[in-house]
Structures are given as C-alpha cells and as structure tokens.
Amino acid sequence: MIFACLTLSYNQGEYLAEAIDSIITQNEPFDYLVYDPGSQDMSRNIIEKYGSNLIKSYFVDGDQGPADGLNKGLQMIQGDIFYYLNADDRLKPGALSFVNQYFLDNPDCDILHGSIDLINQSGVGYRTLPAMNFSLRGLALGYSVVYQPATFIRKTKVRSDAFNVKNKVSWDGELIVDLVLAGAKIHQTQMVLADFRIYSTSITGSGRLSELAKSEHRRISRKILGRDPYTWEKIFGFLFGKALALNRKIFPRLLNL
C-alpha cells in the first residue's frame, strides 16, 4: 500500500525537520506533501532543503485555517492510506510498516488508531496514552478519544472537502465522527504509533482555545446524539473520564459503552 501523507507547517520550524524525518525514514512507499500557509520563520528554507524528489511542498499566503489546508492538501496527494502529521509531532519508527500490515490483515478496517507517547518541548517522552476503544457515545460524553497523530484512514473514505473548515480547533475529531456516522469501521491497536508534543505555546499545552473547544464539542455531541446530553449523561461522562484518567486499565470493557 502507498501512504498519502500530509503535514501542515505554520511557524513550527523548531520541530519541522523532526516531523519530516519521521516520515521519510519509514520503510513503506509514500506520497508526502508539506503544506505551508505563510510561515514567517525558517520553515520554508527547511522544507526546500529536502528537495522535490523526496517530498512535495506547497506554499500559500494564508488560507482559512488548518482544516482548509488539509482539504487543499488532500487534493494533491495520492495513495491508499491517508495520514497527516502536525509539524511539531513525530511518527514512530516502523509505524507505517505496522499499519500497512494491519490494513492488509483487516480489510474491513477503514480507520485505525493507536497509542501515543507524550513528549516535551525537547522531544523527551514522559507518558504513554494507550488507545481506547472508540465509541460515538463515549466521544459525545467526553470519555472516548482518538489520538490524531496515531490515526490512519483509507483514502477512499476521505473526500477532498472532508474537514470542516468552520471548525478551528477539533477538525480532526469531527472528521472521525463524520466518517463513523457514515458507516466507516474503526479499529484500535495498543501499538504506540506516534509522539505528541506538549509545550507551553502549543494549542493543547496553552489551553488558549479551551472555550472554543468546549463549544465545538457541544456541537459535535448534538450531531452524534441528535440532542444535547442529559445532565445525568454529563455527570456520568465526567466521572467516568476521571476514572479512566486515573487508571485506563481499570474498566477496559466499559470503553465500548
């Protein structure tokens, strides 16, 4: 299989080479595009050093946000399995070989998601987050998540306008919801497939979009449930999420709720 890989690069030059190297050193064939909507740091120079024979590059002077960039990038890459990696994260060595074999062995699988290692600004790992058994209800109630850097999707399932351009904070999670609502089959593996970088100026680390994230989560929950969650569901989701955070191995079967 060929992997259709995409990286969004916007003023992430400090980490960009690590992200690119983590893909181009894989042992599986890939079509790889690095999309930059107008970085003001050294990102463009870093991208150009790799050469067009190794990666594709596309530079624009602004767009409508990450989801728009992903939609544009999707139109420019070919392959069987779609994967996108943020410019400050890393793919684990051998990850594409594992994913390739998994899809070959499981033809019913449309989406595969795995575990991640959290890394700090310097790239040092400090915690592993094991993959959960995904459920739409669990996502709506806040206790089931899919880790984007460890998620792979059959490209035939992803339209060129698959990402919601209006969603400025959780476009990746909404894509998974839309695909599963449309009938896509999602599998999970405990294999650690990627590194997710947390630092003070990242979206996750800074929390600067937390209120917007809450608003988008409420909207996506309504999309899943057809209504707002009941109060008792919110309480259950909150408490169950806290329990999972304390020990993800305590209630493995309940992750299917």
C-alpha atoms as a PDB file:
ATOM      1  CA  MET A   1       0.000   0.000   0.000  1.00  0.00           C
ATOM      2  CA  ILE A   2       1.006   3.612  -0.567  1.00  0.00           C
ATOM      3  CA  PHE A   3       0.592   6.143   2.222  1.00  0.00           C
ATOM      4  CA  ALA A   4      -0.784   9.567   1.349  1.00  0.00           C
ATOM      5  CA  CYS A   5       0.953  11.694   3.991  1.00  0.00           C
ATOM      6  CA  LEU A   6       0.391  15.353   4.759  1.00  0.00           C
ATOM      7  CA  THR A   7       1.999  17.798   7.173  1.00  0.00           C
ATOM      8  CA  LEU A   8       0.705  21.282   7.903  1.00  0.00           C
ATOM      9  CA  SER A   9       3.603  23.612   8.646  1.00  0.00           C
ATOM     10  CA  TYR A  10       2.981  27.064  10.096  1.00  0.00           C
ATOM     11  CA  ASN A  11       5.799  28.702  12.053  1.00  0.00           C
ATOM     12  CA  GLN A  12       6.901  25.353  13.500  1.00  0.00           C
ATOM     13  CA  GLY A  13      10.435  25.440  12.142  1.00  0.00           C
ATOM     14  CA  GLU A  14      11.886  24.454  15.506  1.00  0.00           C
ATOM     15  CA  TYR A  15      10.319  20.990  15.203  1.00  0.00           C
ATOM     16  CA  LEU A  16       9.564  20.635  11.496  1.00  0.00           C
ATOM     17  CA  ALA A  17      12.637  18.632  10.469  1.00  0.00           C
ATOM     18  CA  GLU A  18      11.869  16.026  13.144  1.00  0.00           C
ATOM     19  CA  ALA A  19       8.361  15.595  11.779  1.00  0.00           C
ATOM     20  CA  ILE A  20       9.521  15.294   8.171  1.00  0.00           C
ATOM     21  CA  ASP A  21      12.353  12.916   9.036  1.00  0.00           C
ATOM     22  CA  SER A  22       9.988  10.685  10.993  1.00  0.00           C
ATOM     23  CA  ILE A  23       8.025  10.059   7.791  1.00  0.00           C
ATOM     24  CA  ILE A  24      10.718   9.919   5.125  1.00  0.00           C
ATOM     25  CA  THR A  25      12.738   7.353   7.109  1.00  0.00           C
ATOM     26  CA  GLN A  26       9.828   4.880   7.100  1.00  0.00           C
ATOM     27  CA  ASN A  27      10.177   1.698   5.051  1.00  0.00           C
ATOM     28  CA  GLU A  28       6.850   1.906   3.212  1.00  0.00           C
ATOM     29  CA  PRO A  29       6.111   3.817  -0.019  1.00  0.00           C
ATOM     30  CA  PHE A  30       4.539   7.215   0.482  1.00  0.00           C
ATOM     31  CA  ASP A  31       3.397  10.340  -1.316  1.00  0.00           C
ATOM     32  CA  TYR A  32       4.221  13.173   1.084  1.00  0.00           C
ATOM     33  CA  LEU A  33       3.188  16.818   0.952  1.00  0.00           C
ATOM     34  CA  VAL A  34       4.278  19.554   3.343  1.00  0.00           C
ATOM     35  CA  TYR A  35       1.770  22.416   3.160  1.00  0.00           C
ATOM     36  CA  ASP A  36       2.757  25.866   4.459  1.00  0.00           C
ATOM     37  CA  PRO A  37       0.237  28.739   4.536  1.00  0.00           C
ATOM     38  CA  GLY A  38       2.776  31.509   5.035  1.00  0.00           C
ATOM     39  CA  SER A  39       5.259  30.776   7.811  1.00  0.00           C
ATOM     40  CA  GLN A  40       7.422  33.716   8.882  1.00  0.00           C
ATOM     41  CA  ASP A  41      10.180  31.625  10.466  1.00  0.00           C
ATOM     42  CA  MET A  42      12.732  29.286   8.890  1.00  0.00           C
ATOM     43  CA  SER A  43      10.122  26.678   7.883  1.00  0.00           C
ATOM     44  CA  ARG A  44      10.202  27.340   4.138  1.00  0.00           C
ATOM     45  CA  ASN A  45      14.000  27.007   3.982  1.00  0.00           C
ATOM     46  CA  ILE A  46      13.811  23.730   5.908  1.00  0.00           C
ATOM     47  CA  ILE A  47      11.173  22.339   3.541  1.00  0.00           C
ATOM     48  CA  GLU A  48      13.052  23.367   0.398  1.00  0.00           C
ATOM     49  CA  LYS A  49      16.266  21.668   1.592  1.00  0.00           C
ATOM     50  CA  TYR A  50      14.620  18.255   1.251  1.00  0.00           C
ATOM     51  CA  GLY A  51      14.066  18.654  -2.473  1.00  0.00           C
ATOM     52  CA  SER A  52      11.049  17.817  -4.610  1.00  0.00           C
ATOM     53  CA  ASN A  53      12.314  14.298  -5.322  1.00  0.00           C
ATOM     54  CA  LEU A  54      11.667  13.367  -1.678  1.00  0.00           C
ATOM     55  CA  ILE A  55       8.670  15.445  -0.620  1.00  0.00           C
ATOM     56  CA  LYS A  56       6.149  17.701  -2.282  1.00  0.00           C
ATOM     57  CA  SER A  57       5.792  21.232  -0.984  1.00  0.00           C
ATOM     58  CA  TYR A  58       3.057  23.798  -1.377  1.00  0.00           C
ATOM     59  CA  PHE A  59       3.301  27.384  -0.164  1.00  0.00           C
ATOM     60  CA  VAL A  60       0.411  29.822   0.023  1.00  0.00           C
ATOM     61  CA  ASP A  61      -0.007  33.246   1.575  1.00  0.00           C
ATOM     62  CA  GLY A  62      -2.763  32.400   4.026  1.00  0.00           C
ATOM     63  CA  ASP A  63      -5.846  30.213   3.998  1.00  0.00           C
ATOM     64  CA  GLN A  64      -8.989  29.673   6.074  1.00  0.00           C
ATOM     65  CA  GLY A  65      -7.224  27.669   8.766  1.00  0.00           C
ATOM     66  CA  PRO A  66      -5.880  24.136   9.339  1.00  0.00           C
ATOM     67  CA  ALA A  67      -8.994  22.328   8.060  1.00  0.00           C
ATOM     68  CA  ASP A  68      -8.840  24.325   4.827  1.00  0.00           C
ATOM     69  CA  GLY A  69      -5.160  23.464   4.433  1.00  0.00           C
ATOM     70  CA  LEU A  70      -5.891  19.787   4.974  1.00  0.00           C
ATOM     71  CA  ASN A  71      -8.637  19.837   2.340  1.00  0.00           C
ATOM     72  CA  LYS A  72      -6.308  21.504  -0.155  1.00  0.00           C
ATOM     73  CA  GLY A  73      -3.538  19.063   0.654  1.00  0.00           C
ATOM     74  CA  LEU A  74      -5.834  16.070   0.215  1.00  0.00           C
ATOM     75  CA  GLN A  75      -6.312  17.049  -3.416  1.00  0.00           C
ATOM     76  CA  MET A  76      -2.569  16.920  -4.032  1.00  0.00           C
ATOM     77  CA  ILE A  77      -1.568  13.535  -2.623  1.00  0.00           C
ATOM     78  CA  GLN A  78      -2.252  10.022  -3.842  1.00  0.00           C
ATOM     79  CA  GLY A  79      -2.267   6.724  -2.020  1.00  0.00           C
ATOM     80  CA  ASP A  80      -4.268   4.039  -0.264  1.00  0.00           C
ATOM     81  CA  ILE A  81      -3.970   5.174   3.381  1.00  0.00           C
ATOM     82  CA  PHE A  82      -4.315   8.812   4.425  1.00  0.00           C
ATOM     83  CA  TYR A  83      -2.191  10.090   7.297  1.00  0.00           C
ATOM     84  CA  TYR A  84      -1.464  13.586   8.481  1.00  0.00           C
ATOM     85  CA  LEU A  85       1.156  14.660  10.977  1.00  0.00           C
ATOM     86  CA  ASN A  86       1.381  18.065  12.608  1.00  0.00           C
ATOM     87  CA  ALA A  87       4.724  19.799  12.216  1.00  0.00           C
ATOM     88  CA  ASP A  88       5.563  19.512  15.919  1.00  0.00           C
ATOM     89  CA  ASP A  89       4.766  15.797  16.306  1.00  0.00           C
ATOM     90  CA  ARG A  90       6.613  12.642  15.204  1.00  0.00           C
ATOM     91  CA  LEU A  91       5.755   9.281  13.699  1.00  0.00           C
ATOM     92  CA  LYS A  92       7.327   6.292  15.440  1.00  0.00           C
ATOM     93  CA  PRO A  93       9.965   4.273  13.547  1.00  0.00           C
ATOM     94  CA  GLY A  94       8.338   1.312  11.817  1.00  0.00           C
ATOM     95  CA  ALA A  95       4.826   2.686  12.293  1.00  0.00           C
ATOM     96  CA  LEU A  96       3.907   2.626   8.610  1.00  0.00           C
ATOM     97  CA  SER A  97       5.004  -0.996   8.252  1.00  0.00           C
ATOM     98  CA  PHE A  98       2.801  -1.983  11.177  1.00  0.00           C
ATOM     99  CA  VAL A  99      -0.155  -0.020   9.813  1.00  0.00           C
ATOM    100  CA  ASN A 100       0.321  -1.391   6.307  1.00  0.00           C
ATOM    101  CA  GLN A 101       0.194  -4.971   7.570  1.00  0.00           C
ATOM    102  CA  TYR A 102      -2.791  -4.222   9.797  1.00  0.00           C
ATOM    103  CA  PHE A 103      -4.864  -2.922   6.899  1.00  0.00           C
ATOM    104  CA  LEU A 104      -3.847  -5.891   4.742  1.00  0.00           C
ATOM    105  CA  ASP A 105      -4.873  -8.297   7.504  1.00  0.00           C
ATOM    106  CA  ASN A 106      -8.123  -6.442   8.277  1.00  0.00           C
ATOM    107  CA  PRO A 107      -9.859  -5.484   5.025  1.00  0.00           C
ATOM    108  CA  ASP A 108     -12.948  -4.401   6.993  1.00  0.00           C
ATOM    109  CA  CYS A 109     -10.957  -1.684   8.774  1.00  0.00           C
ATOM    110  CA  ASP A 110     -11.475   1.854   7.445  1.00  0.00           C
ATOM    111  CA  ILE A 111      -9.821   3.738  10.316  1.00  0.00           C
ATOM    112  CA  LEU A 112      -7.010   2.534  12.565  1.00  0.00           C
ATOM    113  CA  HIS A 113      -5.971   4.461  15.655  1.00  0.00           C
ATOM    114  CA  GLY A 114      -3.268   3.632  18.151  1.00  0.00           C
ATOM    115  CA  SER A 115      -1.476   4.756  21.285  1.00  0.00           C
ATOM    116  CA  ILE A 116       0.804   7.783  21.591  1.00  0.00           C
ATOM    117  CA  ASP A 117       3.755   8.884  23.665  1.00  0.00           C
ATOM    118  CA  LEU A 118       3.577  12.384  25.100  1.00  0.00           C
ATOM    119  CA  ILE A 119       6.839  14.277  24.605  1.00  0.00           C
ATOM    120  CA  ASN A 120       8.009  17.620  25.936  1.00  0.00           C
ATOM    121  CA  GLN A 121       9.372  20.588  24.024  1.00  0.00           C
ATOM    122  CA  SER A 122      12.796  18.934  23.828  1.00  0.00           C
ATOM    123  CA  GLY A 123      11.338  15.722  22.415  1.00  0.00           C
ATOM    124  CA  VAL A 124      11.727  13.659  25.583  1.00  0.00           C
ATOM    125  CA  GLY A 125       8.918  11.218  26.291  1.00  0.00           C
ATOM    126  CA  TYR A 126       7.247  11.293  29.692  1.00  0.00           C
ATOM    127  CA  ARG A 127       3.956   9.387  29.397  1.00  0.00           C
ATOM    128  CA  THR A 128       2.177   6.871  27.196  1.00  0.00           C
ATOM    129  CA  LEU A 129      -1.523   7.265  26.444  1.00  0.00           C
ATOM    130  CA  PRO A 130      -2.965   3.874  25.390  1.00  0.00           C
ATOM    131  CA  ALA A 131      -5.582   3.798  22.656  1.00  0.00           C
ATOM    132  CA  MET A 132      -9.215   3.475  23.717  1.00  0.00           C
ATOM    133  CA  ASN A 133     -11.975   1.508  22.058  1.00  0.00           C
ATOM    134  CA  PHE A 134     -13.699   4.380  20.270  1.00  0.00           C
ATOM    135  CA  SER A 135     -17.424   4.942  20.539  1.00  0.00           C
ATOM    136  CA  LEU A 136     -19.546   7.826  19.311  1.00  0.00           C
ATOM    137  CA  ARG A 137     -21.444   7.937  22.601  1.00  0.00           C
ATOM    138  CA  GLY A 138     -18.196   7.993  24.534  1.00  0.00           C
ATOM    139  CA  LEU A 139     -16.914  10.921  22.486  1.00  0.00           C
ATOM    140  CA  ALA A 140     -20.190  12.806  22.936  1.00  0.00           C
ATOM    141  CA  LEU A 141     -19.943  12.371  26.711  1.00  0.00           C
ATOM    142  CA  GLY A 142     -16.254  13.221  26.825  1.00  0.00           C
ATOM    143  CA  TYR A 143     -14.568   9.963  27.791  1.00  0.00           C
ATOM    144  CA  SER A 144     -13.593   8.426  24.448  1.00  0.00           C
ATOM    145  CA  VAL A 145     -10.954   9.992  22.219  1.00  0.00           C
ATOM    146  CA  VAL A 146      -8.843   9.162  19.187  1.00  0.00           C
ATOM    147  CA  TYR A 147      -5.290  10.475  19.119  1.00  0.00           C
ATOM    148  CA  GLN A 148      -4.808  12.249  15.807  1.00  0.00           C
ATOM    149  CA  PRO A 149      -1.053  11.603  15.297  1.00  0.00           C
ATOM    150  CA  ALA A 150      -1.733   7.860  15.595  1.00  0.00           C
ATOM    151  CA  THR A 151      -4.729   7.715  13.239  1.00  0.00           C
ATOM    152  CA  PHE A 152      -4.770   6.276   9.701  1.00  0.00           C
ATOM    153  CA  ILE A 153      -7.708   6.280   7.275  1.00  0.00           C
ATOM    154  CA  ARG A 154      -8.389   4.522   3.982  1.00  0.00           C
ATOM    155  CA  LYS A 155      -8.163   7.370   1.481  1.00  0.00           C
ATOM    156  CA  THR A 156     -11.244   6.207  -0.396  1.00  0.00           C
ATOM    157  CA  LYS A 157     -13.233   7.200   2.691  1.00  0.00           C
ATOM    158  CA  VAL A 158     -11.911  10.764   2.767  1.00  0.00           C
ATOM    159  CA  ARG A 159     -13.405  13.313   0.390  1.00  0.00           C
ATOM    160  CA  SER A 160     -11.322  16.283  -0.720  1.00  0.00           C
ATOM    161  CA  ASP A 161     -13.559  18.534   1.416  1.00  0.00           C
ATOM    162  CA  ALA A 162     -13.756  16.110   4.348  1.00  0.00           C
ATOM    163  CA  PHE A 163     -12.563  18.537   7.031  1.00  0.00           C
ATOM    164  CA  ASN A 164     -14.996  21.134   8.367  1.00  0.00           C
ATOM    165  CA  VAL A 165     -13.380  24.485   7.555  1.00  0.00           C
ATOM    166  CA  LYS A 166     -15.572  26.260  10.117  1.00  0.00           C
ATOM    167  CA  ASN A 167     -14.133  24.119  12.923  1.00  0.00           C
ATOM    168  CA  LYS A 168     -10.967  25.890  14.090  1.00  0.00           C
ATOM    169  CA  VAL A 169      -9.990  23.607  16.952  1.00  0.00           C
ATOM    170  CA  SER A 170     -11.232  19.994  16.626  1.00  0.00           C
ATOM    171  CA  TRP A 171     -11.416  19.409  12.882  1.00  0.00           C
ATOM    172  CA  ASP A 172      -9.631  16.068  13.281  1.00  0.00           C
ATOM    173  CA  GLY A 173     -12.087  14.667  15.822  1.00  0.00           C
ATOM    174  CA  GLU A 174     -15.062  15.855  13.810  1.00  0.00           C
ATOM    175  CA  LEU A 175     -13.741  14.048  10.739  1.00  0.00           C
ATOM    176  CA  ILE A 176     -13.671  10.760  12.652  1.00  0.00           C
ATOM    177  CA  VAL A 177     -17.222  11.363  13.895  1.00  0.00           C
ATOM    178  CA  ASP A 178     -18.466  12.126  10.388  1.00  0.00           C
ATOM    179  CA  LEU A 179     -16.809   9.030   8.936  1.00  0.00           C
ATOM    180  CA  VAL A 180     -18.145   6.699  11.647  1.00  0.00           C
ATOM    181  CA  LEU A 181     -21.639   8.198  11.357  1.00  0.00           C
ATOM    182  CA  ALA A 182     -21.406   7.445   7.634  1.00  0.00           C
ATOM    183  CA  GLY A 183     -20.605   3.790   8.377  1.00  0.00           C
ATOM    184  CA  ALA A 184     -16.817   3.664   8.472  1.00  0.00           C
ATOM    185  CA  LYS A 185     -15.401   0.821  10.583  1.00  0.00           C
ATOM    186  CA  ILE A 186     -12.885   1.935  13.179  1.00  0.00           C
ATOM    187  CA  HIS A 187     -10.291  -0.321  14.826  1.00  0.00           C
ATOM    188  CA  GLN A 188      -7.788   0.362  17.592  1.00  0.00           C
ATOM    189  CA  THR A 189      -4.386  -1.024  18.443  1.00  0.00           C
ATOM    190  CA  GLN A 190      -2.301  -0.656  21.580  1.00  0.00           C
ATOM    191  CA  MET A 191       0.804  -0.190  19.445  1.00  0.00           C
ATOM    192  CA  VAL A 192       2.408   3.216  20.114  1.00  0.00           C
ATOM    193  CA  LEU A 193       2.468   4.825  16.677  1.00  0.00           C
ATOM    194  CA  ALA A 194       3.377   8.464  17.261  1.00  0.00           C
ATOM    195  CA  ASP A 195       4.788  11.124  19.572  1.00  0.00           C
ATOM    196  CA  PHE A 196       2.517  14.013  20.568  1.00  0.00           C
ATOM    197  CA  ARG A 197       4.383  17.122  21.690  1.00  0.00           C
ATOM    198  CA  ILE A 198       3.001  19.185  24.575  1.00  0.00           C
ATOM    199  CA  TYR A 199       4.566  22.552  25.379  1.00  0.00           C
ATOM    200  CA  SER A 200       3.546  25.959  26.667  1.00  0.00           C
ATOM    201  CA  THR A 201       2.740  27.572  23.308  1.00  0.00           C
ATOM    202  CA  SER A 202       1.028  24.611  21.625  1.00  0.00           C
ATOM    203  CA  ILE A 203      -2.776  24.641  21.353  1.00  0.00           C
ATOM    204  CA  THR A 204      -3.115  21.763  23.809  1.00  0.00           C
ATOM    205  CA  GLY A 205      -0.417  22.952  26.187  1.00  0.00           C
ATOM    206  CA  SER A 206      -1.525  26.587  26.329  1.00  0.00           C
ATOM    207  CA  GLY A 207      -5.254  25.939  26.603  1.00  0.00           C
ATOM    208  CA  ARG A 208      -5.862  29.192  24.698  1.00  0.00           C
ATOM    209  CA  LEU A 209      -8.699  27.680  22.673  1.00  0.00           C
ATOM    210  CA  SER A 210     -10.317  25.798  25.542  1.00  0.00           C
ATOM    211  CA  GLU A 211     -13.609  27.712  25.413  1.00  0.00           C
ATOM    212  CA  LEU A 212     -13.871  27.289  21.657  1.00  0.00           C
ATOM    213  CA  ALA A 213     -13.066  23.592  22.080  1.00  0.00           C
ATOM    214  CA  LYS A 214     -15.923  23.234  24.559  1.00  0.00           C
ATOM    215  CA  SER A 215     -18.306  24.939  22.150  1.00  0.00           C
ATOM    216  CA  GLU A 216     -17.288  22.687  19.268  1.00  0.00           C
ATOM    217  CA  HIS A 217     -17.598  19.610  21.476  1.00  0.00           C
ATOM    218  CA  ARG A 218     -21.180  20.570  22.364  1.00  0.00           C
ATOM    219  CA  ARG A 219     -21.993  20.968  18.667  1.00  0.00           C
ATOM    220  CA  ILE A 220     -20.426  17.636  17.728  1.00  0.00           C
ATOM    221  CA  SER A 221     -22.210  15.938  20.646  1.00  0.00           C
ATOM    222  CA  ARG A 222     -25.517  17.178  19.256  1.00  0.00           C
ATOM    223  CA  LYS A 223     -24.524  15.785  15.872  1.00  0.00           C
ATOM    224  CA  ILE A 224     -23.962  12.363  17.464  1.00  0.00           C
ATOM    225  CA  LEU A 225     -26.909  12.227  19.875  1.00  0.00           C
ATOM    226  CA  GLY A 226     -29.395  14.330  17.947  1.00  0.00           C
ATOM    227  CA  ARG A 227     -29.815  16.447  21.090  1.00  0.00           C
ATOM    228  CA  ASP A 228     -27.872  17.958  23.961  1.00  0.00           C
ATOM    229  CA  PRO A 229     -26.628  15.383  26.502  1.00  0.00           C
ATOM    230  CA  TYR A 230     -28.850  14.965  29.542  1.00  0.00           C
ATOM    231  CA  THR A 231     -27.496  16.174  32.867  1.00  0.00           C
ATOM    232  CA  TRP A 232     -27.028  12.637  34.156  1.00  0.00           C
ATOM    233  CA  GLU A 233     -25.081  11.766  30.985  1.00  0.00           C
ATOM    234  CA  LYS A 234     -22.761  14.728  31.506  1.00  0.00           C
ATOM    235  CA  ILE A 235     -22.146  13.675  35.110  1.00  0.00           C
ATOM    236  CA  PHE A 236     -21.511  10.079  34.062  1.00  0.00           C
ATOM    237  CA  GLY A 237     -19.153  11.165  31.290  1.00  0.00           C
ATOM    238  CA  PHE A 238     -17.228  13.459  33.621  1.00  0.00           C
ATOM    239  CA  LEU A 239     -16.837  10.881  36.390  1.00  0.00           C
ATOM    240  CA  PHE A 240     -16.040   8.035  34.026  1.00  0.00           C
ATOM    241  CA  GLY A 241     -13.481  10.178  32.230  1.00  0.00           C
ATOM    242  CA  LYS A 242     -11.808  10.973  35.536  1.00  0.00           C
ATOM    243  CA  ALA A 243     -11.680   7.280  36.416  1.00  0.00           C
ATOM    244  CA  LEU A 244     -10.088   6.437  33.080  1.00  0.00           C
ATOM    245  CA  ALA A 245      -7.552   9.203  33.502  1.00  0.00           C
ATOM    246  CA  LEU A 246      -6.513   7.732  36.859  1.00  0.00           C
ATOM    247  CA  ASN A 247      -6.139   4.227  35.525  1.00  0.00           C
ATOM    248  CA  ARG A 248      -7.063   3.353  31.966  1.00  0.00           C
ATOM    249  CA  LYS A 249      -6.768  -0.350  32.748  1.00  0.00           C
ATOM    250  CA  ILE A 250      -9.459  -0.464  35.437  1.00  0.00           C
ATOM    251  CA  PHE A 251     -12.508  -0.539  33.162  1.00  0.00           C
ATOM    252  CA  PRO A 252     -11.366  -1.848  29.753  1.00  0.00           C
ATOM    253  CA  ARG A 253     -14.725  -3.355  28.829  1.00  0.00           C
ATOM    254  CA  LEU A 254     -16.616  -0.178  29.643  1.00  0.00           C
ATOM    255  CA  LEU A 255     -14.701   1.650  26.930  1.00  0.00           C
ATOM    256  CA  ASN A 256     -17.145   0.085  24.478  1.00  0.00           C
ATOM    257  CA  LEU A 257     -20.109   1.952  26.012  1.00  0.00           C
END
